[in-house]
Amino acid sequence: MTEPSTPFRLGGFAAKAQRLFAEANALAEQGCAVEAESVYRRALALDPRLAEAHNNLGNVLRALGRAADAVAAYQQTLACGLDHPLVHYNLASALKAVGEAGSAERSFRRALAMRPDYAEAFNNLANLLREQDRLTESADVYRRALALRPDWDEAHDNLSGALYLLHEDGRTEEAGQLARLWLRDHPDHPVARHIGAALAGFATEDRASDAYVRQVFDHFAGEFETKLAELGYRAPGLLADALRQAMGVEPDGILAVLDAGCGTGLCAPFLRPWARRLVGVDLSPGMLDHARARGLYDGLAEAELGAFLAGQPGAFDLIVAADVLCYFGALDAVLAQAAAALRPGGRLAFTVERLEEAAEPHRVSPHGRYAHAEGYVRGCLGAAGLGVARLSHDTLRFESGEPVDGLVVVAVREVES
């Protein structure tokens, strides 16, 4: 949902002002926004009609969080005669930042009238429309951005979000129709294939693809924990309590522990006291960077969970998977792989979203996660040679203000007689 500013490098003014303009541009590129502002202002003091300098001053003012001042700078750019789509785009982004939605929309549309192939302007106009709950319009405009840049992951994520909101607003048929168009136009994009198919009511694969999982979590890695806090995410705490009760002893630091789908490492603080060695595995390099920064893991691996488990026979005393198996529909294979990676008597603790007992054992939701029927989970555990030590129902988080019911499970690898 980024709204990048665009600088100008045009010449044609007095030599000293041009030198100052070039110096300010170099400072801005180095991230020295305060210093760049000062030098842009010196250039403009020599020639107040330097439109390009007004635009680039607006860029550094936005970088400094001074959006209202940036608006004035971009307006001055236009007043100096630089009627360019990039200036209208920059002005629209600054107007959006100060809450002037109507003016921002007009400026985005002006940029697009001048440059109909401006994909970034379509994307950010769609963001503005979505924030105003104009969801159908927003989805249509995201589709126009994607027509210009079909492989743009950010715009696919944004369209996914707009269609999910449309679905949650009760307009399921409309969301489904737009999802079918999205899937028709981009059949090979991982987000369209997974979320688009779920919204359209098409049959989905037995698990989310590696490409989908990696993209989603790389995209949200920087704000992942903030988003989860907003949703009242409880899975790590629920697993910590369940594990303590199932183990029946205090943590003693002697176990080989795997944090499966470790993400940013939210489970590491409660797992570390149990662990002689704590390993994390995740598909997303962005998530692993955050997990590594915690300094609590002895090893981290970037890998698909099933493939990783298959290469670790009998390696662990404890495997924990917090909201990881919700990206698998069919659980039989991954639970069998987890069982094989446990030592006899080892434990697997995990959460999944709970599906009311229905005809199907699992179902994918419009947000892309699978829910599982309790009977199906129990059956897969038994088939994998895992006995249920503890299974409870609890709220994992809140979705659109509603509690998400989940299963909190601790299972034990049975000791062969």
Protein backbone atom coordinates (compact mmCIF):
# COMPACT_ATOMS: atom_id res chain seq x y z
CA MET A 1 0.00 0.00 0.00
CA THR A 2 2.99 2.23 -0.46
CA GLU A 3 2.75 5.63 -2.11
CA PRO A 4 6.27 6.48 -3.30
CA SER A 5 7.16 10.06 -4.05
CA THR A 6 8.82 10.83 -7.37
CA PRO A 7 11.68 13.33 -7.76
CA PHE A 8 12.58 15.46 -10.74
CA ARG A 9 16.03 16.09 -12.12
CA LEU A 10 15.31 18.67 -14.80
CA GLY A 11 17.76 21.43 -15.51
CA GLY A 12 17.62 24.83 -17.17
CA PHE A 13 18.07 27.26 -14.29
CA ALA A 14 20.88 29.37 -12.84
CA ALA A 15 24.15 27.54 -12.27
CA LYS A 16 24.34 28.10 -8.50
CA ALA A 17 20.73 27.06 -7.95
CA GLN A 18 21.32 24.03 -10.15
CA ARG A 19 24.32 23.02 -8.03
CA LEU A 20 22.26 23.38 -4.86
CA PHE A 21 19.41 21.40 -6.42
CA ALA A 22 21.82 18.57 -7.32
CA GLU A 23 23.33 18.66 -3.82
CA ALA A 24 19.88 18.47 -2.22
CA ASN A 25 18.92 15.52 -4.47
CA ALA A 26 22.06 13.66 -3.39
CA LEU A 27 21.26 14.29 0.30
CA ALA A 28 17.70 13.08 -0.21
CA GLU A 29 18.95 9.87 -1.86
CA GLN A 30 21.18 9.26 1.17
CA GLY A 31 18.18 9.61 3.49
CA CYS A 32 19.37 12.93 4.92
CA ALA A 33 15.93 14.57 4.71
CA VAL A 34 16.57 17.41 7.17
CA GLU A 35 19.76 18.46 5.40
CA ALA A 36 18.09 18.09 1.99
CA GLU A 37 15.21 20.35 3.04
CA SER A 38 17.67 23.09 4.01
CA VAL A 39 19.51 22.92 0.68
CA TYR A 40 16.29 22.81 -1.40
CA ARG A 41 15.17 25.96 0.41
CA ARG A 42 18.48 27.65 -0.38
CA ALA A 43 18.01 26.80 -4.06
CA LEU A 44 14.47 28.15 -3.99
CA ALA A 45 15.62 31.34 -2.29
CA LEU A 46 17.77 31.98 -5.36
CA ASP A 47 14.94 31.19 -7.78
CA PRO A 48 11.40 30.67 -6.33
CA ARG A 49 10.20 29.46 -9.76
CA LEU A 50 12.23 26.24 -9.71
CA ALA A 51 9.28 23.90 -9.97
CA GLU A 52 11.34 20.71 -9.76
CA ALA A 53 12.88 21.86 -6.49
CA HIS A 54 9.41 22.51 -5.03
CA ASN A 55 8.39 18.94 -5.97
CA ASN A 56 11.47 17.34 -4.47
CA LEU A 57 11.14 19.51 -1.35
CA GLY A 58 7.64 18.08 -1.02
CA ASN A 59 9.11 14.58 -1.13
CA VAL A 60 11.50 15.19 1.76
CA LEU A 61 8.78 16.94 3.76
CA ARG A 62 6.64 13.81 3.41
CA ALA A 63 9.61 11.70 4.50
CA LEU A 64 9.81 13.91 7.60
CA GLY A 65 6.12 13.31 8.35
CA ARG A 66 5.10 16.86 7.45
CA ALA A 67 2.36 16.03 4.96
CA ALA A 68 0.59 19.41 5.18
CA ASP A 69 3.84 21.21 4.29
CA ALA A 70 4.33 18.72 1.45
CA VAL A 71 0.88 19.59 0.08
CA ALA A 72 1.90 23.25 -0.07
CA ALA A 73 5.16 22.36 -1.83
CA TYR A 74 3.42 20.27 -4.50
CA GLN A 75 0.80 22.97 -5.03
CA GLN A 76 3.64 25.45 -5.53
CA THR A 77 5.14 23.07 -8.10
CA LEU A 78 1.94 23.25 -10.12
CA ALA A 79 1.72 27.01 -9.68
CA CYS A 80 5.17 27.26 -11.21
CA GLY A 81 3.89 25.56 -14.35
CA LEU A 82 5.01 21.95 -13.92
CA ASP A 83 1.68 20.32 -14.75
CA HIS A 84 2.96 16.75 -14.74
CA PRO A 85 1.29 13.44 -13.73
CA LEU A 86 4.05 12.73 -11.21
CA VAL A 87 3.30 16.00 -9.42
CA HIS A 88 -0.42 15.25 -9.28
CA TYR A 89 0.38 11.77 -7.94
CA ASN A 90 2.66 13.19 -5.24
CA LEU A 91 0.06 15.82 -4.32
CA ALA A 92 -2.66 13.16 -4.12
CA SER A 93 -0.55 11.04 -1.77
CA ALA A 94 0.12 14.01 0.52
CA LEU A 95 -3.54 15.05 0.48
CA LYS A 96 -4.52 11.50 1.42
CA ALA A 97 -2.06 11.63 4.32
CA VAL A 98 -3.70 14.78 5.74
CA GLY A 99 -7.20 13.32 5.39
CA GLU A 100 -8.40 15.34 2.39
CA ALA A 101 -9.87 12.32 0.61
CA GLY A 102 -11.94 14.20 -1.97
CA SER A 103 -9.04 16.37 -3.10
CA ALA A 104 -6.72 13.37 -3.10
CA GLU A 105 -9.09 11.43 -5.36
CA ARG A 106 -9.30 14.32 -7.81
CA SER A 107 -5.51 14.55 -7.95
CA PHE A 108 -5.08 10.80 -8.51
CA ARG A 109 -7.66 10.95 -11.31
CA ARG A 110 -5.89 13.97 -12.84
CA ALA A 111 -2.63 12.01 -12.87
CA LEU A 112 -4.40 9.09 -14.55
CA ALA A 113 -6.08 11.30 -17.13
CA MET A 114 -2.63 12.56 -18.11
CA ARG A 115 -0.98 9.11 -17.92
CA PRO A 116 -3.42 6.20 -18.37
CA ASP A 117 -0.66 3.58 -17.85
CA TYR A 118 0.21 4.84 -14.34
CA ALA A 119 -0.21 1.60 -12.39
CA GLU A 120 0.95 3.07 -9.07
CA ALA A 121 -1.71 5.77 -9.29
CA PHE A 122 -4.42 3.16 -9.94
CA ASN A 123 -3.22 1.13 -6.93
CA ASN A 124 -3.17 4.05 -4.55
CA LEU A 125 -6.47 5.47 -5.81
CA ALA A 126 -7.91 2.02 -5.08
CA ASN A 127 -6.40 2.15 -1.56
CA LEU A 128 -8.18 5.47 -1.02
CA LEU A 129 -11.49 4.08 -2.26
CA ARG A 130 -11.16 1.01 -0.05
CA GLU A 131 -10.58 3.18 3.01
CA GLN A 132 -13.89 4.89 2.20
CA ASP A 133 -15.65 1.49 1.99
CA ARG A 134 -16.20 1.96 -1.73
CA LEU A 135 -15.20 -1.65 -2.12
CA THR A 136 -16.57 -2.48 -5.56
CA GLU A 137 -14.96 0.61 -7.07
CA SER A 138 -11.76 -0.19 -5.24
CA ALA A 139 -11.65 -3.75 -6.62
CA ASP A 140 -12.25 -2.50 -10.16
CA VAL A 141 -9.39 -0.01 -9.86
CA TYR A 142 -7.00 -2.64 -8.42
CA ARG A 143 -7.84 -4.78 -11.44
CA ARG A 144 -6.83 -1.88 -13.70
CA ALA A 145 -3.49 -1.63 -11.88
CA LEU A 146 -2.96 -5.37 -12.36
CA ALA A 147 -3.85 -5.16 -16.05
CA LEU A 148 -0.80 -2.89 -16.36
CA ARG A 149 1.45 -4.84 -13.95
CA PRO A 150 0.18 -8.43 -13.82
CA ASP A 151 2.89 -9.73 -11.48
CA TRP A 152 2.64 -6.92 -8.92
CA ASP A 153 2.34 -8.78 -5.62
CA GLU A 154 1.31 -5.75 -3.59
CA ALA A 155 -1.67 -4.99 -5.83
CA HIS A 156 -2.75 -8.64 -5.69
CA ASP A 157 -2.62 -8.50 -1.88
CA ASN A 158 -4.60 -5.26 -1.91
CA LEU A 159 -7.27 -6.68 -4.22
CA SER A 160 -7.49 -9.75 -1.98
CA GLY A 161 -8.16 -7.49 1.00
CA ALA A 162 -10.87 -5.51 -0.80
CA LEU A 163 -12.69 -8.67 -1.89
CA TYR A 164 -12.47 -10.14 1.61
CA LEU A 165 -14.05 -6.96 3.05
CA LEU A 166 -16.75 -7.13 0.38
CA HIS A 167 -17.46 -10.74 1.36
CA GLU A 168 -17.54 -9.87 5.08
CA ASP A 169 -19.96 -7.03 4.30
CA GLY A 170 -22.45 -9.66 3.13
CA ARG A 171 -21.99 -9.06 -0.58
CA THR A 172 -20.77 -12.59 -1.18
CA GLU A 173 -22.09 -12.96 -4.73
CA GLU A 174 -20.46 -9.71 -5.80
CA ALA A 175 -17.18 -10.72 -4.13
CA GLY A 176 -17.37 -14.11 -5.85
CA GLN A 177 -18.00 -12.59 -9.26
CA LEU A 178 -15.03 -10.23 -8.93
CA ALA A 179 -12.88 -13.08 -7.62
CA ARG A 180 -13.74 -15.16 -10.70
CA LEU A 181 -12.64 -12.28 -12.94
CA TRP A 182 -9.43 -11.94 -10.94
CA LEU A 183 -8.72 -15.66 -11.25
CA ARG A 184 -9.57 -15.62 -14.96
CA ASP A 185 -7.12 -12.77 -15.60
CA HIS A 186 -4.31 -14.05 -13.33
CA PRO A 187 -4.68 -17.85 -13.11
CA ASP A 188 -1.04 -18.42 -12.18
CA HIS A 189 -0.62 -15.84 -9.43
CA PRO A 190 -0.45 -17.60 -6.03
CA VAL A 191 -2.76 -15.16 -4.22
CA ALA A 192 -5.37 -15.27 -6.99
CA ARG A 193 -5.18 -19.07 -7.10
CA HIS A 194 -5.70 -19.43 -3.35
CA ILE A 195 -7.85 -16.50 -2.18
CA GLY A 196 -9.60 -15.99 -5.52
CA ALA A 197 -10.63 -19.64 -5.64
CA ALA A 198 -11.87 -19.55 -2.04
CA LEU A 199 -13.98 -16.44 -2.65
CA ALA A 200 -15.28 -17.77 -5.95
CA GLY A 201 -16.41 -20.99 -4.30
CA PHE A 202 -14.13 -23.15 -6.43
CA ALA A 203 -12.44 -26.28 -5.15
CA THR A 204 -9.05 -25.45 -3.67
CA GLU A 205 -5.90 -27.50 -3.27
CA ASP A 206 -5.29 -29.57 -0.16
CA ARG A 207 -2.99 -26.90 1.21
CA ALA A 208 -1.90 -23.34 0.52
CA SER A 209 0.99 -23.26 -1.94
CA ASP A 210 4.51 -22.43 -0.83
CA ALA A 211 4.47 -19.38 -3.10
CA TYR A 212 1.27 -18.09 -1.48
CA VAL A 213 2.49 -18.58 2.09
CA ARG A 214 5.87 -17.03 1.36
CA GLN A 215 4.38 -13.99 -0.34
CA VAL A 216 1.77 -13.31 2.32
CA PHE A 217 4.15 -13.54 5.24
CA ASP A 218 7.02 -11.72 3.57
CA HIS A 219 4.59 -8.90 2.78
CA PHE A 220 3.39 -8.59 6.38
CA ALA A 221 6.62 -9.43 8.21
CA GLY A 222 7.29 -5.86 9.28
CA GLU A 223 3.82 -5.31 10.78
CA PHE A 224 2.92 -8.90 11.57
CA GLU A 225 3.02 -8.64 15.36
CA THR A 226 1.14 -5.33 15.38
CA LYS A 227 -1.62 -6.84 13.23
CA LEU A 228 -1.89 -9.90 15.46
CA ALA A 229 -2.12 -7.72 18.56
CA GLU A 230 -5.01 -5.84 16.94
CA LEU A 231 -6.75 -9.20 16.36
CA GLY A 232 -6.29 -10.29 19.97
CA TYR A 233 -4.11 -13.22 18.88
CA ARG A 234 -3.85 -15.82 21.65
CA ALA A 235 -2.38 -19.01 20.16
CA PRO A 236 1.12 -18.81 21.74
CA GLY A 237 -0.31 -18.24 25.22
CA LEU A 238 -2.87 -21.01 24.81
CA LEU A 239 -0.18 -23.45 23.70
CA ALA A 240 2.10 -22.44 26.55
CA ASP A 241 -0.66 -23.21 29.07
CA ALA A 242 -1.69 -26.45 27.37
CA LEU A 243 1.89 -27.66 27.19
CA ARG A 244 2.56 -26.88 30.84
CA GLN A 245 -0.49 -28.85 31.89
CA ALA A 246 0.24 -31.76 29.56
CA MET A 247 3.89 -32.04 30.61
CA GLY A 248 3.08 -31.99 34.32
CA VAL A 249 6.53 -30.59 35.21
CA GLU A 250 8.25 -27.24 35.14
CA PRO A 251 10.49 -26.46 32.14
CA ASP A 252 13.88 -28.09 32.63
CA GLY A 253 15.83 -27.03 29.54
CA ILE A 254 16.65 -30.55 28.34
CA LEU A 255 14.44 -30.99 25.26
CA ALA A 256 15.18 -30.76 21.55
CA VAL A 257 12.42 -28.39 20.43
CA LEU A 258 11.14 -27.36 16.99
CA ASP A 259 9.11 -24.19 16.51
CA ALA A 260 7.34 -25.23 13.31
CA GLY A 261 6.31 -22.24 11.20
CA CYS A 262 8.04 -20.01 13.73
CA GLY A 263 7.17 -16.71 12.02
CA THR A 264 8.66 -13.80 13.93
CA GLY A 265 9.32 -16.01 16.96
CA LEU A 266 6.27 -15.31 19.12
CA CYS A 267 6.49 -18.79 20.67
CA ALA A 268 10.21 -18.61 21.41
CA PRO A 269 9.93 -16.94 24.85
CA PHE A 270 7.84 -19.80 26.28
CA LEU A 271 9.73 -22.53 24.38
CA ARG A 272 13.24 -21.43 25.35
CA PRO A 273 12.97 -22.60 29.00
CA TRP A 274 12.05 -26.11 27.80
CA ALA A 275 14.85 -26.33 25.27
CA ARG A 276 18.36 -27.66 25.28
CA ARG A 277 18.24 -26.80 21.58
CA LEU A 278 15.55 -24.62 19.99
CA VAL A 279 15.18 -24.68 16.20
CA GLY A 280 12.77 -22.65 14.09
CA VAL A 281 11.62 -23.31 10.54
CA ASP A 282 9.58 -21.06 8.27
CA LEU A 283 9.00 -20.48 4.56
CA SER A 284 9.29 -16.69 4.80
CA PRO A 285 12.77 -15.14 4.90
CA GLY A 286 11.21 -11.88 6.07
CA MET A 287 9.71 -13.61 9.10
CA LEU A 288 12.96 -15.42 9.83
CA ASP A 289 14.83 -12.10 9.93
CA HIS A 290 12.57 -10.99 12.78
CA ALA A 291 12.86 -14.35 14.55
CA ARG A 292 16.65 -14.17 14.29
CA ALA A 293 16.66 -10.74 15.91
CA ARG A 294 15.13 -12.22 19.09
CA GLY A 295 18.36 -14.10 19.78
CA LEU A 296 16.48 -17.07 21.29
CA TYR A 297 17.00 -19.74 18.63
CA ASP A 298 19.94 -22.09 18.25
CA GLY A 299 19.12 -22.57 14.58
CA LEU A 300 16.70 -21.25 11.96
CA ALA A 301 15.87 -22.85 8.62
CA GLU A 302 14.03 -21.51 5.58
CA ALA A 303 12.04 -24.48 4.33
CA GLU A 304 8.60 -25.92 3.67
CA LEU A 305 7.46 -27.60 6.87
CA GLY A 306 6.68 -31.06 5.49
CA ALA A 307 9.97 -31.31 3.62
CA PHE A 308 11.89 -30.14 6.71
CA LEU A 309 10.18 -32.69 8.97
CA ALA A 310 10.84 -35.47 6.49
CA GLY A 311 14.56 -34.80 6.81
CA GLN A 312 14.57 -34.91 10.64
CA PRO A 313 13.64 -38.46 11.69
CA GLY A 314 13.43 -38.86 15.47
CA ALA A 315 15.14 -35.51 16.02
CA PHE A 316 12.79 -33.74 18.45
CA ASP A 317 11.23 -34.19 21.86
CA LEU A 318 8.72 -31.40 21.25
CA ILE A 319 7.25 -29.79 18.12
CA VAL A 320 5.02 -26.72 18.43
CA ALA A 321 2.96 -25.30 15.54
CA ALA A 322 0.98 -22.18 16.44
CA ASP A 323 -1.59 -21.40 13.72
CA VAL A 324 0.52 -23.17 11.11
CA LEU A 325 -1.60 -26.19 10.21
CA CYS A 326 -4.42 -23.81 9.24
CA TYR A 327 -2.55 -23.43 5.93
CA PHE A 328 -2.98 -27.17 5.34
CA GLY A 329 -6.35 -28.59 4.39
CA ALA A 330 -5.48 -32.27 4.45
CA LEU A 331 -3.57 -33.01 7.68
CA ASP A 332 -2.73 -36.69 7.26
CA ALA A 333 0.64 -36.26 5.57
CA VAL A 334 1.99 -33.41 7.70
CA LEU A 335 0.93 -35.07 10.96
CA ALA A 336 2.60 -38.32 9.87
CA GLN A 337 5.76 -36.34 9.08
CA ALA A 338 5.62 -34.63 12.48
CA ALA A 339 5.19 -37.98 14.22
CA ALA A 340 8.23 -39.38 12.40
CA ALA A 341 10.30 -36.36 13.46
CA LEU A 342 9.45 -36.97 17.14
CA ARG A 343 11.25 -39.38 19.41
CA PRO A 344 9.03 -42.02 21.06
CA GLY A 345 7.08 -40.25 23.80
CA GLY A 346 7.71 -36.86 22.17
CA ARG A 347 4.93 -34.29 21.98
CA LEU A 348 3.29 -32.27 19.24
CA ALA A 349 1.38 -29.15 20.30
CA PHE A 350 -0.62 -27.15 17.76
CA THR A 351 -3.68 -25.02 17.06
CA VAL A 352 -6.13 -25.15 14.17
CA GLU A 353 -9.35 -23.28 13.50
CA ARG A 354 -12.38 -25.36 14.39
CA LEU A 355 -14.95 -26.32 11.77
CA GLU A 356 -18.38 -27.29 13.02
CA GLU A 357 -18.89 -30.95 12.19
CA ALA A 358 -20.00 -31.00 8.57
CA ALA A 359 -19.90 -33.17 5.48
CA GLU A 360 -16.35 -32.11 4.67
CA PRO A 361 -13.37 -32.65 7.00
CA HIS A 362 -11.87 -29.23 6.26
CA ARG A 363 -12.87 -26.02 4.53
CA VAL A 364 -10.94 -22.99 3.32
CA SER A 365 -12.27 -19.59 4.38
CA PRO A 366 -12.25 -16.36 2.33
CA HIS A 367 -9.24 -15.16 4.36
CA GLY A 368 -7.25 -18.13 3.03
CA ARG A 369 -6.97 -20.30 6.16
CA TYR A 370 -8.47 -23.75 6.58
CA ALA A 371 -10.73 -24.82 9.41
CA HIS A 372 -10.87 -28.47 10.51
CA ALA A 373 -13.52 -30.68 12.04
CA GLU A 374 -12.51 -32.10 15.41
CA GLY A 375 -13.33 -35.65 14.39
CA TYR A 376 -11.08 -35.33 11.36
CA VAL A 377 -8.20 -34.00 13.46
CA ARG A 378 -8.53 -36.86 15.92
CA GLY A 379 -8.65 -39.38 13.08
CA CYS A 380 -5.49 -38.01 11.45
CA LEU A 381 -3.65 -38.02 14.78
CA GLY A 382 -4.56 -41.63 15.39
CA ALA A 383 -3.51 -42.67 11.89
CA ALA A 384 -0.15 -40.97 12.45
CA GLY A 385 0.48 -42.86 15.69
CA LEU A 386 -0.16 -39.83 17.86
CA GLY A 387 -2.29 -40.13 20.97
CA VAL A 388 -4.30 -37.15 22.19
CA ALA A 389 -2.97 -35.98 25.56
CA ARG A 390 -5.07 -32.83 25.65
CA LEU A 391 -7.62 -31.21 23.31
CA SER A 392 -9.65 -28.12 24.16
CA HIS A 393 -11.74 -25.47 22.41
CA ASP A 394 -10.75 -21.83 22.79
CA THR A 395 -10.74 -18.48 21.01
CA LEU A 396 -7.60 -18.11 18.91
CA ARG A 397 -8.18 -14.47 17.90
CA PHE A 398 -10.93 -12.19 16.58
CA GLU A 399 -11.86 -11.78 12.92
CA SER A 400 -14.06 -8.81 11.94
CA GLY A 401 -14.86 -8.47 15.64
CA GLU A 402 -16.03 -12.10 15.95
CA PRO A 403 -14.18 -14.76 17.95
CA VAL A 404 -12.43 -17.47 15.93
CA ASP A 405 -13.00 -20.81 17.63
CA GLY A 406 -10.02 -23.13 17.59
CA LEU A 407 -8.71 -26.48 18.74
CA VAL A 408 -5.72 -26.43 21.08
CA VAL A 409 -4.08 -29.85 20.90
CA VAL A 410 -1.22 -31.66 22.61
CA ALA A 411 -0.51 -35.12 21.18
CA VAL A 412 2.09 -37.74 22.10
CA ARG A 413 4.00 -40.09 19.82
CA GLU A 414 3.07 -43.51 21.01
CA VAL A 415 5.86 -45.78 22.24
CA GLU A 416 6.00 -48.98 20.24
CA SER A 417 5.54 -52.07 22.36
